[in-house]
PDB file of N, CA and C in Angstrom:
ATOM      1  N   UNK A   1     -88.172 -31.129  25.739  1.00  0.00           N
ATOM      2  CA  UNK A   1     -89.283 -30.721  26.580  1.00  0.00           C
ATOM      3  C   UNK A   1     -90.011 -29.580  25.895  1.00  0.00           C
ATOM      4  N   UNK A   2     -91.318 -29.618  25.912  1.00  0.00           N
ATOM      5  CA  UNK A   2     -92.078 -28.553  25.280  1.00  0.00           C
ATOM      6  C   UNK A   2     -93.432 -28.387  25.955  1.00  0.00           C
ATOM      7  N   UNK A   3     -94.126 -27.354  25.584  1.00  0.00           N
ATOM      8  CA  UNK A   3     -95.459 -27.085  26.116  1.00  0.00           C
ATOM      9  C   UNK A   3     -96.415 -26.852  24.957  1.00  0.00           C
ATOM     10  N   UNK A   4     -97.651 -27.305  25.131  1.00  0.00           N
ATOM     11  CA  UNK A   4     -98.705 -27.082  24.140  1.00  0.00           C
ATOM     12  C   UNK A   4     -99.909 -26.523  24.844  1.00  0.00           C
ATOM     13  N   UNK A   5    -100.430 -25.409  24.349  1.00  0.00           N
ATOM     14  CA  UNK A   5    -101.662 -24.784  24.853  1.00  0.00           C
ATOM     15  C   UNK A   5    -102.726 -25.146  23.849  1.00  0.00           C
ATOM     16  N   UNK A   6    -103.708 -25.918  24.281  1.00  0.00           N
ATOM     17  CA  UNK A   6    -104.756 -26.409  23.359  1.00  0.00           C
ATOM     18  C   UNK A   6    -106.144 -26.070  23.937  1.00  0.00           C
ATOM     19  N   UNK A   7    -107.027 -25.750  23.072  1.00  0.00           N
ATOM     20  CA  UNK A   7    -108.400 -25.487  23.475  1.00  0.00           C
ATOM     21  C   UNK A   7    -109.251 -26.711  23.095  1.00  0.00           C
ATOM     22  N   UNK A   8    -110.258 -26.971  23.892  1.00  0.00           N
ATOM     23  CA  UNK A   8    -111.163 -28.101  23.601  1.00  0.00           C
ATOM     24  C   UNK A   8    -112.183 -27.664  22.563  1.00  0.00           C
ATOM     25  N   UNK A   9    -112.975 -28.616  22.132  1.00  0.00           N
ATOM     26  CA  UNK A   9    -113.930 -28.330  21.064  1.00  0.00           C
ATOM     27  C   UNK A   9    -115.002 -27.352  21.489  1.00  0.00           C
ATOM     28  N   UNK A  10    -115.406 -27.325  22.775  1.00  0.00           N
ATOM     29  CA  UNK A  10    -116.442 -26.389  23.208  1.00  0.00           C
ATOM     30  C   UNK A  10    -115.877 -24.983  23.444  1.00  0.00           C
ATOM     31  N   UNK A  11    -114.571 -24.812  23.337  1.00  0.00           N
ATOM     32  CA  UNK A  11    -113.836 -23.544  23.406  1.00  0.00           C
ATOM     33  C   UNK A  11    -113.975 -22.846  24.766  1.00  0.00           C
ATOM     34  N   UNK A  12    -114.561 -23.486  25.760  1.00  0.00           N
ATOM     35  CA  UNK A  12    -114.667 -22.900  27.096  1.00  0.00           C
ATOM     36  C   UNK A  12    -113.494 -23.340  27.969  1.00  0.00           C
ATOM     37  N   UNK A  13    -112.911 -24.449  27.652  1.00  0.00           N
ATOM     38  CA  UNK A  13    -111.808 -24.974  28.451  1.00  0.00           C
ATOM     39  C   UNK A  13    -110.523 -24.866  27.643  1.00  0.00           C
ATOM     40  N   UNK A  14    -109.479 -24.460  28.318  1.00  0.00           N
ATOM     41  CA  UNK A  14    -108.147 -24.410  27.719  1.00  0.00           C
ATOM     42  C   UNK A  14    -107.223 -25.321  28.521  1.00  0.00           C
ATOM     43  N   UNK A  15    -106.563 -26.170  27.842  1.00  0.00           N
ATOM     44  CA  UNK A  15    -105.662 -27.116  28.488  1.00  0.00           C
ATOM     45  C   UNK A  15    -104.208 -26.741  28.221  1.00  0.00           C
ATOM     46  N   UNK A  16    -103.345 -26.917  29.231  1.00  0.00           N
ATOM     47  CA  UNK A  16    -101.943 -26.696  29.076  1.00  0.00           C
ATOM     48  C   UNK A  16    -101.236 -28.022  29.340  1.00  0.00           C
ATOM     49  N   UNK A  17    -100.586 -28.527  28.302  1.00  0.00           N
ATOM     50  CA  UNK A  17     -99.793 -29.729  28.406  1.00  0.00           C
ATOM     51  C   UNK A  17     -98.342 -29.285  28.512  1.00  0.00           C
ATOM     52  N   UNK A  18     -97.621 -29.772  29.512  1.00  0.00           N
ATOM     53  CA  UNK A  18     -96.212 -29.394  29.595  1.00  0.00           C
ATOM     54  C   UNK A  18     -95.383 -30.612  29.948  1.00  0.00           C
ATOM     55  N   UNK A  19     -94.085 -30.437  29.862  1.00  0.00           N
ATOM     56  CA  UNK A  19     -93.118 -31.507  30.075  1.00  0.00           C
ATOM     57  C   UNK A  19     -93.359 -32.679  29.133  1.00  0.00           C
ATOM     58  N   UNK A  20     -93.606 -32.357  27.891  1.00  0.00           N
ATOM     59  CA  UNK A  20     -93.798 -33.385  26.876  1.00  0.00           C
ATOM     60  C   UNK A  20     -92.466 -33.677  26.211  1.00  0.00           C
ATOM     61  N   UNK A  21     -92.241 -34.952  25.939  1.00  0.00           N
ATOM     62  CA  UNK A  21     -91.019 -35.366  25.248  1.00  0.00           C
ATOM     63  C   UNK A  21     -91.456 -36.069  23.952  1.00  0.00           C
ATOM     64  N   UNK A  22     -91.003 -35.552  22.842  1.00  0.00           N
ATOM     65  CA  UNK A  22     -91.316 -36.125  21.557  1.00  0.00           C
ATOM     66  C   UNK A  22     -90.092 -36.946  21.108  1.00  0.00           C
ATOM     67  N   UNK A  23     -90.317 -38.213  20.919  1.00  0.00           N
ATOM     68  CA  UNK A  23     -89.216 -39.090  20.557  1.00  0.00           C
ATOM     69  C   UNK A  23     -89.122 -39.130  19.054  1.00  0.00           C
ATOM     70  N   UNK A  24     -87.934 -38.887  18.544  1.00  0.00           N
ATOM     71  CA  UNK A  24     -87.701 -38.938  17.098  1.00  0.00           C
ATOM     72  C   UNK A  24     -87.128 -40.326  16.764  1.00  0.00           C
ATOM     73  N   UNK A  25     -87.588 -40.870  15.680  1.00  0.00           N
ATOM     74  CA  UNK A  25     -87.048 -42.121  15.220  1.00  0.00           C
ATOM     75  C   UNK A  25     -85.624 -41.919  14.723  1.00  0.00           C
ATOM     76  N   UNK A  26     -84.795 -42.905  14.974  1.00  0.00           N
ATOM     77  CA  UNK A  26     -83.420 -42.830  14.506  1.00  0.00           C
ATOM     78  C   UNK A  26     -83.406 -42.951  12.973  1.00  0.00           C
ATOM     79  N   UNK A  27     -82.718 -42.041  12.342  1.00  0.00           N
ATOM     80  CA  UNK A  27     -82.606 -42.097  10.885  1.00  0.00           C
ATOM     81  C   UNK A  27     -81.405 -42.906  10.482  1.00  0.00           C
ATOM     82  N   UNK A  28     -81.555 -43.648   9.393  1.00  0.00           N
ATOM     83  CA  UNK A  28     -80.461 -44.435   8.900  1.00  0.00           C
ATOM     84  C   UNK A  28     -79.432 -43.533   8.211  1.00  0.00           C
ATOM     85  N   UNK A  29     -78.198 -43.673   8.562  1.00  0.00           N
ATOM     86  CA  UNK A  29     -77.142 -42.879   8.039  1.00  0.00           C
ATOM     87  C   UNK A  29     -76.279 -43.727   7.092  1.00  0.00           C
ATOM     88  N   UNK A  30     -76.174 -43.284   5.872  1.00  0.00           N
ATOM     89  CA  UNK A  30     -75.364 -44.028   4.912  1.00  0.00           C
ATOM     90  C   UNK A  30     -74.128 -43.228   4.596  1.00  0.00           C
ATOM     91  N   UNK A  31     -72.965 -43.855   4.808  1.00  0.00           N
ATOM     92  CA  UNK A  31     -71.699 -43.174   4.573  1.00  0.00           C
ATOM     93  C   UNK A  31     -70.761 -44.061   3.773  1.00  0.00           C
ATOM     94  N   UNK A  32     -69.827 -43.436   3.139  1.00  0.00           N
ATOM     95  CA  UNK A  32     -68.771 -44.165   2.416  1.00  0.00           C
ATOM     96  C   UNK A  32     -67.439 -43.573   2.882  1.00  0.00           C
ATOM     97  N   UNK A  33     -66.535 -44.448   3.260  1.00  0.00           N
ATOM     98  CA  UNK A  33     -65.207 -43.999   3.746  1.00  0.00           C
ATOM     99  C   UNK A  33     -64.156 -44.523   2.817  1.00  0.00           C
ATOM    100  N   UNK A  34     -63.265 -43.657   2.431  1.00  0.00           N
ATOM    101  CA  UNK A  34     -62.153 -44.036   1.575  1.00  0.00           C
ATOM    102  C   UNK A  34     -60.910 -43.339   2.117  1.00  0.00           C
ATOM    103  N   UNK A  35     -59.792 -44.065   2.096  1.00  0.00           N
ATOM    104  CA  UNK A  35     -58.574 -43.502   2.606  1.00  0.00           C
ATOM    105  C   UNK A  35     -58.071 -42.401   1.674  1.00  0.00           C
ATOM    106  N   UNK A  36     -57.647 -41.293   2.259  1.00  0.00           N
ATOM    107  CA  UNK A  36     -57.156 -40.166   1.467  1.00  0.00           C
ATOM    108  C   UNK A  36     -55.767 -40.491   0.945  1.00  0.00           C
ATOM    109  N   UNK A  37     -55.648 -40.373  -0.408  1.00  0.00           N
ATOM    110  CA  UNK A  37     -54.367 -40.591  -1.046  1.00  0.00           C
ATOM    111  C   UNK A  37     -54.214 -39.572  -2.160  1.00  0.00           C
ATOM    112  N   UNK A  38     -53.017 -39.305  -2.555  1.00  0.00           N
ATOM    113  CA  UNK A  38     -52.719 -38.317  -3.611  1.00  0.00           C
ATOM    114  C   UNK A  38     -53.330 -38.801  -4.908  1.00  0.00           C
ATOM    115  N   UNK A  39     -54.004 -37.901  -5.625  1.00  0.00           N
ATOM    116  CA  UNK A  39     -54.627 -38.268  -6.884  1.00  0.00           C
ATOM    117  C   UNK A  39     -53.648 -38.583  -8.003  1.00  0.00           C
ATOM    118  N   UNK A  40     -52.402 -38.147  -7.825  1.00  0.00           N
ATOM    119  CA  UNK A  40     -51.388 -38.356  -8.862  1.00  0.00           C
ATOM    120  C   UNK A  40     -50.489 -39.574  -8.558  1.00  0.00           C
ATOM    121  N   UNK A  41     -49.873 -39.595  -7.343  1.00  0.00           N
ATOM    122  CA  UNK A  41     -48.929 -40.635  -7.060  1.00  0.00           C
ATOM    123  C   UNK A  41     -49.429 -41.676  -6.070  1.00  0.00           C
ATOM    124  N   UNK A  42     -50.642 -41.517  -5.556  1.00  0.00           N
ATOM    125  CA  UNK A  42     -51.265 -42.505  -4.658  1.00  0.00           C
ATOM    126  C   UNK A  42     -50.558 -42.635  -3.318  1.00  0.00           C
ATOM    127  N   UNK A  43     -49.728 -41.651  -2.918  1.00  0.00           N
ATOM    128  CA  UNK A  43     -49.120 -41.705  -1.569  1.00  0.00           C
ATOM    129  C   UNK A  43     -50.159 -41.364  -0.526  1.00  0.00           C
ATOM    130  N   UNK A  44     -50.059 -41.962   0.653  1.00  0.00           N
ATOM    131  CA  UNK A  44     -51.000 -41.758   1.734  1.00  0.00           C
ATOM    132  C   UNK A  44     -50.301 -41.166   2.926  1.00  0.00           C
ATOM    133  N   UNK A  45     -51.092 -40.864   3.969  1.00  0.00           N
ATOM    134  CA  UNK A  45     -50.553 -40.273   5.179  1.00  0.00           C
ATOM    135  C   UNK A  45     -49.548 -41.233   5.837  1.00  0.00           C
ATOM    136  N   UNK A  46     -49.761 -42.505   5.737  1.00  0.00           N
ATOM    137  CA  UNK A  46     -48.848 -43.441   6.406  1.00  0.00           C
ATOM    138  C   UNK A  46     -47.483 -43.451   5.747  1.00  0.00           C
ATOM    139  N   UNK A  47     -47.361 -42.882   4.518  1.00  0.00           N
ATOM    140  CA  UNK A  47     -46.067 -42.831   3.842  1.00  0.00           C
ATOM    141  C   UNK A  47     -45.222 -41.649   4.329  1.00  0.00           C
ATOM    142  N   UNK A  48     -45.751 -40.881   5.307  1.00  0.00           N
ATOM    143  CA  UNK A  48     -45.008 -39.738   5.855  1.00  0.00           C
ATOM    144  C   UNK A  48     -45.131 -38.470   5.079  1.00  0.00           C
ATOM    145  N   UNK A  49     -46.177 -38.308   4.282  1.00  0.00           N
ATOM    146  CA  UNK A  49     -46.369 -37.078   3.520  1.00  0.00           C
ATOM    147  C   UNK A  49     -47.673 -36.418   3.977  1.00  0.00           C
ATOM    148  N   UNK A  50     -47.754 -35.109   3.701  1.00  0.00           N
ATOM    149  CA  UNK A  50     -48.971 -34.350   4.049  1.00  0.00           C
ATOM    150  C   UNK A  50     -49.951 -34.453   2.860  1.00  0.00           C
ATOM    151  N   UNK A  51     -51.209 -34.642   3.172  1.00  0.00           N
ATOM    152  CA  UNK A  51     -52.280 -34.722   2.159  1.00  0.00           C
ATOM    153  C   UNK A  51     -53.168 -33.482   2.312  1.00  0.00           C
ATOM    154  N   UNK A  52     -53.440 -32.803   1.182  1.00  0.00           N
ATOM    155  CA  UNK A  52     -54.295 -31.614   1.190  1.00  0.00           C
ATOM    156  C   UNK A  52     -55.479 -31.841   0.243  1.00  0.00           C
ATOM    157  N   UNK A  53     -56.665 -31.447   0.646  1.00  0.00           N
ATOM    158  CA  UNK A  53     -57.846 -31.576  -0.204  1.00  0.00           C
ATOM    159  C   UNK A  53     -58.102 -30.279  -0.941  1.00  0.00           C
ATOM    160  N   UNK A  54     -58.469 -30.391  -2.207  1.00  0.00           N
ATOM    161  CA  UNK A  54     -58.793 -29.202  -3.033  1.00  0.00           C
ATOM    162  C   UNK A  54     -60.013 -29.573  -3.894  1.00  0.00           C
ATOM    163  N   UNK A  55     -60.961 -28.623  -4.031  1.00  0.00           N
ATOM    164  CA  UNK A  55     -62.112 -28.830  -4.861  1.00  0.00           C
ATOM    165  C   UNK A  55     -61.812 -28.335  -6.276  1.00  0.00           C
ATOM    166  N   UNK A  56     -61.939 -29.261  -7.243  1.00  0.00           N
ATOM    167  CA  UNK A  56     -61.697 -28.938  -8.654  1.00  0.00           C
ATOM    168  C   UNK A  56     -62.905 -29.435  -9.438  1.00  0.00           C
ATOM    169  N   UNK A  57     -63.586 -28.543 -10.148  1.00  0.00           N
ATOM    170  CA  UNK A  57     -64.771 -28.839 -10.909  1.00  0.00           C
ATOM    171  C   UNK A  57     -65.818 -29.616 -10.105  1.00  0.00           C
ATOM    172  N   UNK A  58     -66.086 -29.102  -8.900  1.00  0.00           N
ATOM    173  CA  UNK A  58     -67.095 -29.645  -7.989  1.00  0.00           C
ATOM    174  C   UNK A  58     -66.767 -31.057  -7.486  1.00  0.00           C
ATOM    175  N   UNK A  59     -65.538 -31.467  -7.558  1.00  0.00           N
ATOM    176  CA  UNK A  59     -65.088 -32.743  -6.991  1.00  0.00           C
ATOM    177  C   UNK A  59     -63.925 -32.466  -6.033  1.00  0.00           C
ATOM    178  N   UNK A  60     -63.889 -33.236  -4.999  1.00  0.00           N
ATOM    179  CA  UNK A  60     -62.795 -33.111  -4.005  1.00  0.00           C
ATOM    180  C   UNK A  60     -61.646 -33.996  -4.450  1.00  0.00           C
ATOM    181  N   UNK A  61     -60.504 -33.398  -4.628  1.00  0.00           N
ATOM    182  CA  UNK A  61     -59.285 -34.146  -5.023  1.00  0.00           C
ATOM    183  C   UNK A  61     -58.282 -33.991  -3.923  1.00  0.00           C
ATOM    184  N   UNK A  62     -57.445 -34.996  -3.718  1.00  0.00           N
ATOM    185  CA  UNK A  62     -56.416 -34.989  -2.694  1.00  0.00           C
ATOM    186  C   UNK A  62     -55.023 -34.926  -3.376  1.00  0.00           C
ATOM    187  N   UNK A  63     -54.152 -34.102  -2.800  1.00  0.00           N
ATOM    188  CA  UNK A  63     -52.809 -33.972  -3.337  1.00  0.00           C
ATOM    189  C   UNK A  63     -51.822 -34.076  -2.211  1.00  0.00           C
ATOM    190  N   UNK A  64     -50.660 -34.718  -2.487  1.00  0.00           N
ATOM    191  CA  UNK A  64     -49.597 -34.761  -1.486  1.00  0.00           C
ATOM    192  C   UNK A  64     -48.796 -33.443  -1.540  1.00  0.00           C
ATOM    193  N   UNK A  65     -47.868 -33.302  -0.641  1.00  0.00           N
ATOM    194  CA  UNK A  65     -47.107 -32.056  -0.583  1.00  0.00           C
ATOM    195  C   UNK A  65     -46.276 -31.805  -1.819  1.00  0.00           C
ATOM    196  N   UNK A  66     -45.979 -32.860  -2.593  1.00  0.00           N
ATOM    197  CA  UNK A  66     -45.153 -32.750  -3.753  1.00  0.00           C
ATOM    198  C   UNK A  66     -45.959 -32.415  -5.000  1.00  0.00           C
ATOM    199  N   UNK A  67     -47.238 -32.760  -5.050  1.00  0.00           N
ATOM    200  CA  UNK A  67     -48.040 -32.562  -6.245  1.00  0.00           C
ATOM    201  C   UNK A  67     -49.160 -31.500  -6.058  1.00  0.00           C
ATOM    202  N   UNK A  68     -49.096 -30.737  -4.986  1.00  0.00           N
ATOM    203  CA  UNK A  68     -50.083 -29.713  -4.728  1.00  0.00           C
ATOM    204  C   UNK A  68     -50.008 -28.658  -5.832  1.00  0.00           C
ATOM    205  N   UNK A  69     -51.117 -28.313  -6.495  1.00  0.00           N
ATOM    206  CA  UNK A  69     -51.076 -27.327  -7.559  1.00  0.00           C
ATOM    207  C   UNK A  69     -50.565 -25.969  -7.058  1.00  0.00           C
ATOM    208  N   UNK A  70     -49.846 -25.246  -7.937  1.00  0.00           N
ATOM    209  CA  UNK A  70     -49.212 -24.008  -7.550  1.00  0.00           C
ATOM    210  C   UNK A  70     -50.263 -22.930  -7.227  1.00  0.00           C
ATOM    211  N   UNK A  71     -51.404 -22.911  -7.859  1.00  0.00           N
ATOM    212  CA  UNK A  71     -52.408 -21.865  -7.645  1.00  0.00           C
ATOM    213  C   UNK A  71     -53.182 -22.059  -6.397  1.00  0.00           C
ATOM    214  N   UNK A  72     -52.869 -23.010  -5.574  1.00  0.00           N
ATOM    215  CA  UNK A  72     -53.610 -23.308  -4.342  1.00  0.00           C
ATOM    216  C   UNK A  72     -53.281 -22.319  -3.264  1.00  0.00           C
TER     217      UNK A  72
END
């Protein structure tokens, strides 16, 4: 909801428009889904291990609890 205060071309009349609803078009959303698995041993959550994400050289890498880098 919004309000717009607009003047006409002859500048003697001022109009107030209120309770306006501007409808936005739905934007197309493109996504890619991939199951998280360890980058080293390929174990997944369903194997009963914990998976942790870490950013290395501007890429997200996943590691299981056994292969998590020490400096993390």
